[in-house]
Amino acid sequence: MPGALDILGATMDNDGNFVIASVNEGDMQVSRISAEGEHEWTRTYPYFADEGLYGNGIAVYLMGTLWS
């Protein structure tokens, strides 16, 4: 999770891969870690958009991450 300052939530799929939501310098990011521990990808989203807080696009909570 490049530059992660705080982990906001994580979940594991049925194959043992982890999806982790974190915050870096002003953005939210979602990273996927394979069951073998390899970093597969990271997507970065603005924490604030023109409409304000990113809102319903991504919800991060203790049990995982939800995209709507």
PDB file of N, CA and C in Angstrom:
ATOM      1  N   MET A   1       0.840  -1.156   0.000  1.00  0.00           N
ATOM      2  CA  MET A   1       0.000   0.000   0.000  1.00  0.00           C
ATOM      3  C   MET A   1       0.890   1.225   0.000  1.00  0.00           C
ATOM      4  N   PRO A   2       1.218   1.688  -1.173  1.00  0.00           N
ATOM      5  CA  PRO A   2       2.181   2.785  -1.297  1.00  0.00           C
ATOM      6  C   PRO A   2       1.782   4.035  -0.517  1.00  0.00           C
ATOM      7  N   GLY A   3       2.628   4.460   0.385  1.00  0.00           N
ATOM      8  CA  GLY A   3       2.421   5.702   1.112  1.00  0.00           C
ATOM      9  C   GLY A   3       1.298   5.685   2.125  1.00  0.00           C
ATOM     10  N   ALA A   4       0.788   4.528   2.491  1.00  0.00           N
ATOM     11  CA  ALA A   4      -0.345   4.456   3.415  1.00  0.00           C
ATOM     12  C   ALA A   4       0.024   5.032   4.772  1.00  0.00           C
ATOM     13  N   LEU A   5      -0.849   5.903   5.266  1.00  0.00           N
ATOM     14  CA  LEU A   5      -0.652   6.508   6.580  1.00  0.00           C
ATOM     15  C   LEU A   5      -1.564   5.891   7.626  1.00  0.00           C
ATOM     16  N   ASP A   6      -2.710   5.356   7.206  1.00  0.00           N
ATOM     17  CA  ASP A   6      -3.678   4.794   8.135  1.00  0.00           C
ATOM     18  C   ASP A   6      -4.512   3.754   7.397  1.00  0.00           C
ATOM     19  N   ILE A   7      -4.706   2.587   7.987  1.00  0.00           N
ATOM     20  CA  ILE A   7      -5.555   1.549   7.416  1.00  0.00           C
ATOM     21  C   ILE A   7      -6.979   1.784   7.908  1.00  0.00           C
ATOM     22  N   LEU A   8      -7.932   1.826   6.977  1.00  0.00           N
ATOM     23  CA  LEU A   8      -9.321   2.110   7.327  1.00  0.00           C
ATOM     24  C   LEU A   8     -10.192   0.868   7.386  1.00  0.00           C
ATOM     25  N   GLY A   9      -9.830  -0.158   6.669  1.00  0.00           N
ATOM     26  CA  GLY A   9     -10.629  -1.373   6.657  1.00  0.00           C
ATOM     27  C   GLY A   9      -9.996  -2.404   5.753  1.00  0.00           C
ATOM     28  N   ALA A  10     -10.392  -3.652   5.936  1.00  0.00           N
ATOM     29  CA  ALA A  10      -9.858  -4.735   5.116  1.00  0.00           C
ATOM     30  C   ALA A  10     -10.883  -5.853   5.056  1.00  0.00           C
ATOM     31  N   THR A  11     -10.807  -6.625   3.987  1.00  0.00           N
ATOM     32  CA  THR A  11     -11.648  -7.802   3.861  1.00  0.00           C
ATOM     33  C   THR A  11     -10.863  -8.860   3.090  1.00  0.00           C
ATOM     34  N   MET A  12     -11.281 -10.117   3.232  1.00  0.00           N
ATOM     35  CA  MET A  12     -10.624 -11.216   2.540  1.00  0.00           C
ATOM     36  C   MET A  12     -11.668 -11.939   1.700  1.00  0.00           C
ATOM     37  N   ASP A  13     -11.329 -12.246   0.438  1.00  0.00           N
ATOM     38  CA  ASP A  13     -12.271 -12.975  -0.406  1.00  0.00           C
ATOM     39  C   ASP A  13     -12.137 -14.477  -0.176  1.00  0.00           C
ATOM     40  N   ASN A  14     -12.935 -15.258  -0.888  1.00  0.00           N
ATOM     41  CA  ASN A  14     -12.951 -16.712  -0.701  1.00  0.00           C
ATOM     42  C   ASN A  14     -11.655 -17.386  -1.121  1.00  0.00           C
ATOM     43  N   ASP A  15     -10.833 -16.704  -1.918  1.00  0.00           N
ATOM     44  CA  ASP A  15      -9.557 -17.265  -2.365  1.00  0.00           C
ATOM     45  C   ASP A  15      -8.394 -16.866  -1.470  1.00  0.00           C
ATOM     46  N   GLY A  16      -8.658 -16.101  -0.413  1.00  0.00           N
ATOM     47  CA  GLY A  16      -7.603 -15.692   0.510  1.00  0.00           C
ATOM     48  C   GLY A  16      -6.902 -14.403   0.136  1.00  0.00           C
ATOM     49  N   ASN A  17      -7.391 -13.694  -0.888  1.00  0.00           N
ATOM     50  CA  ASN A  17      -6.828 -12.397  -1.264  1.00  0.00           C
ATOM     51  C   ASN A  17      -7.388 -11.319  -0.348  1.00  0.00           C
ATOM     52  N   PHE A  18      -6.575 -10.337  -0.004  1.00  0.00           N
ATOM     53  CA  PHE A  18      -7.009  -9.241   0.847  1.00  0.00           C
ATOM     54  C   PHE A  18      -7.238  -7.988   0.015  1.00  0.00           C
ATOM     55  N   VAL A  19      -8.286  -7.236   0.340  1.00  0.00           N
ATOM     56  CA  VAL A  19      -8.526  -5.908  -0.204  1.00  0.00           C
ATOM     57  C   VAL A  19      -8.491  -4.970   0.988  1.00  0.00           C
ATOM     58  N   ILE A  20      -7.594  -3.988   0.937  1.00  0.00           N
ATOM     59  CA  ILE A  20      -7.333  -3.116   2.080  1.00  0.00           C
ATOM     60  C   ILE A  20      -7.557  -1.670   1.670  1.00  0.00           C
ATOM     61  N   ALA A  21      -8.329  -0.946   2.462  1.00  0.00           N
ATOM     62  CA  ALA A  21      -8.558   0.486   2.237  1.00  0.00           C
ATOM     63  C   ALA A  21      -7.681   1.266   3.199  1.00  0.00           C
ATOM     64  N   SER A  22      -7.019   2.289   2.675  1.00  0.00           N
ATOM     65  CA  SER A  22      -6.119   3.095   3.501  1.00  0.00           C
ATOM     66  C   SER A  22      -6.166   4.544   3.037  1.00  0.00           C
ATOM     67  N   VAL A  23      -5.500   5.398   3.787  1.00  0.00           N
ATOM     68  CA  VAL A  23      -5.406   6.819   3.456  1.00  0.00           C
ATOM     69  C   VAL A  23      -3.941   7.151   3.258  1.00  0.00           C
ATOM     70  N   ASN A  24      -3.637   7.914   2.195  1.00  0.00           N
ATOM     71  CA  ASN A  24      -2.289   8.450   2.031  1.00  0.00           C
ATOM     72  C   ASN A  24      -2.402   9.970   2.081  1.00  0.00           C
ATOM     73  N   GLU A  25      -1.517  10.688   1.477  1.00  0.00           N
ATOM     74  CA  GLU A  25      -1.518  12.156   1.532  1.00  0.00           C
ATOM     75  C   GLU A  25      -2.733  12.747   0.824  1.00  0.00           C
ATOM     76  N   GLY A  26      -3.884  12.796   1.489  1.00  0.00           N
ATOM     77  CA  GLY A  26      -5.060  13.453   0.941  1.00  0.00           C
ATOM     78  C   GLY A  26      -5.969  12.595   0.086  1.00  0.00           C
ATOM     79  N   ASP A  27      -5.670  11.330  -0.116  1.00  0.00           N
ATOM     80  CA  ASP A  27      -6.499  10.447  -0.929  1.00  0.00           C
ATOM     81  C   ASP A  27      -6.812   9.171  -0.165  1.00  0.00           C
ATOM     82  N   MET A  28      -7.851   8.474  -0.631  1.00  0.00           N
ATOM     83  CA  MET A  28      -8.113   7.115  -0.180  1.00  0.00           C
ATOM     84  C   MET A  28      -7.501   6.195  -1.219  1.00  0.00           C
ATOM     85  N   GLN A  29      -7.053   5.040  -0.782  1.00  0.00           N
ATOM     86  CA  GLN A  29      -6.563   4.073  -1.752  1.00  0.00           C
ATOM     87  C   GLN A  29      -7.033   2.688  -1.347  1.00  0.00           C
ATOM     88  N   VAL A  30      -7.267   1.862  -2.348  1.00  0.00           N
ATOM     89  CA  VAL A  30      -7.687   0.489  -2.142  1.00  0.00           C
ATOM     90  C   VAL A  30      -6.636  -0.386  -2.800  1.00  0.00           C
ATOM     91  N   SER A  31      -6.090  -1.330  -2.038  1.00  0.00           N
ATOM     92  CA  SER A  31      -5.027  -2.206  -2.534  1.00  0.00           C
ATOM     93  C   SER A  31      -5.474  -3.653  -2.431  1.00  0.00           C
ATOM     94  N   ARG A  32      -5.009  -4.452  -3.371  1.00  0.00           N
ATOM     95  CA  ARG A  32      -5.268  -5.892  -3.319  1.00  0.00           C
ATOM     96  C   ARG A  32      -3.941  -6.597  -3.087  1.00  0.00           C
ATOM     97  N   ILE A  33      -3.940  -7.473  -2.088  1.00  0.00           N
ATOM     98  CA  ILE A  33      -2.782  -8.296  -1.751  1.00  0.00           C
ATOM     99  C   ILE A  33      -3.183  -9.746  -1.988  1.00  0.00           C
ATOM    100  N   SER A  34      -2.390 -10.477  -2.755  1.00  0.00           N
ATOM    101  CA  SER A  34      -2.727 -11.868  -3.067  1.00  0.00           C
ATOM    102  C   SER A  34      -2.601 -12.740  -1.825  1.00  0.00           C
ATOM    103  N   ALA A  35      -3.162 -13.931  -1.912  1.00  0.00           N
ATOM    104  CA  ALA A  35      -3.079 -14.891  -0.813  1.00  0.00           C
ATOM    105  C   ALA A  35      -1.625 -15.249  -0.502  1.00  0.00           C
ATOM    106  N   GLU A  36      -0.732 -15.064  -1.479  1.00  0.00           N
ATOM    107  CA  GLU A  36       0.692 -15.346  -1.282  1.00  0.00           C
ATOM    108  C   GLU A  36       1.443 -14.152  -0.709  1.00  0.00           C
ATOM    109  N   GLY A  37       0.754 -13.028  -0.507  1.00  0.00           N
ATOM    110  CA  GLY A  37       1.382 -11.843   0.084  1.00  0.00           C
ATOM    111  C   GLY A  37       1.946 -10.854  -0.916  1.00  0.00           C
ATOM    112  N   GLU A  38       1.678 -11.050  -2.213  1.00  0.00           N
ATOM    113  CA  GLU A  38       2.178 -10.145  -3.246  1.00  0.00           C
ATOM    114  C   GLU A  38       1.209  -8.979  -3.456  1.00  0.00           C
ATOM    115  N   HIS A  39       1.750  -7.767  -3.592  1.00  0.00           N
ATOM    116  CA  HIS A  39       0.929  -6.601  -3.913  1.00  0.00           C
ATOM    117  C   HIS A  39       0.505  -6.715  -5.368  1.00  0.00           C
ATOM    118  N   GLU A  40      -0.815  -6.768  -5.632  1.00  0.00           N
ATOM    119  CA  GLU A  40      -1.307  -6.926  -7.002  1.00  0.00           C
ATOM    120  C   GLU A  40      -1.641  -5.594  -7.653  1.00  0.00           C
ATOM    121  N   TRP A  41      -2.331  -4.708  -6.937  1.00  0.00           N
ATOM    122  CA  TRP A  41      -2.669  -3.402  -7.487  1.00  0.00           C
ATOM    123  C   TRP A  41      -3.106  -2.465  -6.379  1.00  0.00           C
ATOM    124  N   THR A  42      -3.073  -1.172  -6.686  1.00  0.00           N
ATOM    125  CA  THR A  42      -3.596  -0.125  -5.807  1.00  0.00           C
ATOM    126  C   THR A  42      -4.353   0.868  -6.670  1.00  0.00           C
ATOM    127  N   ARG A  43      -5.558   1.210  -6.256  1.00  0.00           N
ATOM    128  CA  ARG A  43      -6.367   2.243  -6.908  1.00  0.00           C
ATOM    129  C   ARG A  43      -6.479   3.408  -5.935  1.00  0.00           C
ATOM    130  N   THR A  44      -6.326   4.627  -6.436  1.00  0.00           N
ATOM    131  CA  THR A  44      -6.385   5.821  -5.598  1.00  0.00           C
ATOM    132  C   THR A  44      -7.619   6.632  -5.961  1.00  0.00           C
ATOM    133  N   TYR A  45      -8.311   7.107  -4.944  1.00  0.00           N
ATOM    134  CA  TYR A  45      -9.528   7.900  -5.112  1.00  0.00           C
ATOM    135  C   TYR A  45      -9.389   9.173  -4.302  1.00  0.00           C
ATOM    136  N   PRO A  46      -9.900  10.294  -4.817  1.00  0.00           N
ATOM    137  CA  PRO A  46      -9.823  11.536  -4.039  1.00  0.00           C
ATOM    138  C   PRO A  46     -10.691  11.425  -2.795  1.00  0.00           C
ATOM    139  N   TYR A  47     -10.163  11.868  -1.666  1.00  0.00           N
ATOM    140  CA  TYR A  47     -10.941  11.859  -0.429  1.00  0.00           C
ATOM    141  C   TYR A  47     -12.062  12.877  -0.524  1.00  0.00           C
ATOM    142  N   PHE A  48     -11.784  13.980  -1.189  1.00  0.00           N
ATOM    143  CA  PHE A  48     -12.803  15.000  -1.432  1.00  0.00           C
ATOM    144  C   PHE A  48     -12.923  15.212  -2.930  1.00  0.00           C
ATOM    145  N   ALA A  49     -14.145  15.329  -3.432  1.00  0.00           N
ATOM    146  CA  ALA A  49     -14.408  15.632  -4.838  1.00  0.00           C
ATOM    147  C   ALA A  49     -15.126  16.979  -4.896  1.00  0.00           C
ATOM    148  N   ASP A  50     -15.486  17.421  -6.087  1.00  0.00           N
ATOM    149  CA  ASP A  50     -16.181  18.704  -6.239  1.00  0.00           C
ATOM    150  C   ASP A  50     -17.460  18.769  -5.409  1.00  0.00           C
ATOM    151  N   GLU A  51     -18.097  17.620  -5.225  1.00  0.00           N
ATOM    152  CA  GLU A  51     -19.348  17.568  -4.478  1.00  0.00           C
ATOM    153  C   GLU A  51     -19.115  17.450  -2.970  1.00  0.00           C
ATOM    154  N   GLY A  52     -17.871  17.434  -2.529  1.00  0.00           N
ATOM    155  CA  GLY A  52     -17.554  17.275  -1.104  1.00  0.00           C
ATOM    156  C   GLY A  52     -16.888  15.934  -0.864  1.00  0.00           C
ATOM    157  N   LEU A  53     -17.152  15.331   0.268  1.00  0.00           N
ATOM    158  CA  LEU A  53     -16.593  14.024   0.603  1.00  0.00           C
ATOM    159  C   LEU A  53     -16.963  13.032  -0.491  1.00  0.00           C
ATOM    160  N   TYR A  54     -16.093  12.103  -0.813  1.00  0.00           N
ATOM    161  CA  TYR A  54     -16.307  11.176  -1.922  1.00  0.00           C
ATOM    162  C   TYR A  54     -17.689  10.536  -1.857  1.00  0.00           C
ATOM    163  N   GLY A  55     -18.262  10.480  -0.679  1.00  0.00           N
ATOM    164  CA  GLY A  55     -19.662  10.087  -0.515  1.00  0.00           C
ATOM    165  C   GLY A  55     -19.914   8.615  -0.714  1.00  0.00           C
ATOM    166  N   ASN A  56     -20.956   8.303  -1.458  1.00  0.00           N
ATOM    167  CA  ASN A  56     -21.424   6.929  -1.578  1.00  0.00           C
ATOM    168  C   ASN A  56     -20.616   6.080  -2.547  1.00  0.00           C
ATOM    169  N   GLY A  57     -19.607   6.655  -3.211  1.00  0.00           N
ATOM    170  CA  GLY A  57     -18.811   5.888  -4.155  1.00  0.00           C
ATOM    171  C   GLY A  57     -18.051   4.754  -3.491  1.00  0.00           C
ATOM    172  N   ILE A  58     -17.463   5.020  -2.337  1.00  0.00           N
ATOM    173  CA  ILE A  58     -16.709   4.023  -1.583  1.00  0.00           C
ATOM    174  C   ILE A  58     -17.078   4.187  -0.120  1.00  0.00           C
ATOM    175  N   ALA A  59     -17.446   3.115   0.514  1.00  0.00           N
ATOM    176  CA  ALA A  59     -17.696   3.141   1.955  1.00  0.00           C
ATOM    177  C   ALA A  59     -16.697   2.198   2.609  1.00  0.00           C
ATOM    178  N   VAL A  60     -15.963   2.693   3.572  1.00  0.00           N
ATOM    179  CA  VAL A  60     -14.979   1.889   4.281  1.00  0.00           C
ATOM    180  C   VAL A  60     -15.443   1.770   5.722  1.00  0.00           C
ATOM    181  N   TYR A  61     -15.510   0.567   6.209  1.00  0.00           N
ATOM    182  CA  TYR A  61     -15.938   0.336   7.578  1.00  0.00           C
ATOM    183  C   TYR A  61     -15.134  -0.817   8.142  1.00  0.00           C
ATOM    184  N   LEU A  62     -15.316  -1.131   9.400  1.00  0.00           N
ATOM    185  CA  LEU A  62     -14.467  -2.115  10.060  1.00  0.00           C
ATOM    186  C   LEU A  62     -14.521  -3.493   9.415  1.00  0.00           C
ATOM    187  N   MET A  63     -15.632  -3.848   8.787  1.00  0.00           N
ATOM    188  CA  MET A  63     -15.766  -5.170   8.201  1.00  0.00           C
ATOM    189  C   MET A  63     -15.297  -5.240   6.749  1.00  0.00           C
ATOM    190  N   GLY A  64     -14.905  -4.131   6.154  1.00  0.00           N
ATOM    191  CA  GLY A  64     -14.408  -4.184   4.784  1.00  0.00           C
ATOM    192  C   GLY A  64     -14.680  -2.931   3.993  1.00  0.00           C
ATOM    193  N   THR A  65     -14.749  -3.090   2.677  1.00  0.00           N
ATOM    194  CA  THR A  65     -14.916  -1.976   1.751  1.00  0.00           C
ATOM    195  C   THR A  65     -16.107  -2.267   0.855  1.00  0.00           C
ATOM    196  N   LEU A  66     -16.934  -1.267   0.609  1.00  0.00           N
ATOM    197  CA  LEU A  66     -18.123  -1.431  -0.212  1.00  0.00           C
ATOM    198  C   LEU A  66     -18.101  -0.400  -1.323  1.00  0.00           C
ATOM    199  N   TRP A  67     -18.268  -0.852  -2.555  1.00  0.00           N
ATOM    200  CA  TRP A  67     -18.398   0.062  -3.693  1.00  0.00           C
ATOM    201  C   TRP A  67     -19.858   0.097  -4.078  1.00  0.00           C
ATOM    202  N   SER A  68     -20.368   1.292  -4.358  1.00  0.00           N
ATOM    203  CA  SER A  68     -21.770   1.377  -4.784  1.00  0.00           C
ATOM    204  C   SER A  68     -21.865   1.951  -6.179  1.00  0.00           C
TER     205      SER A  68
END
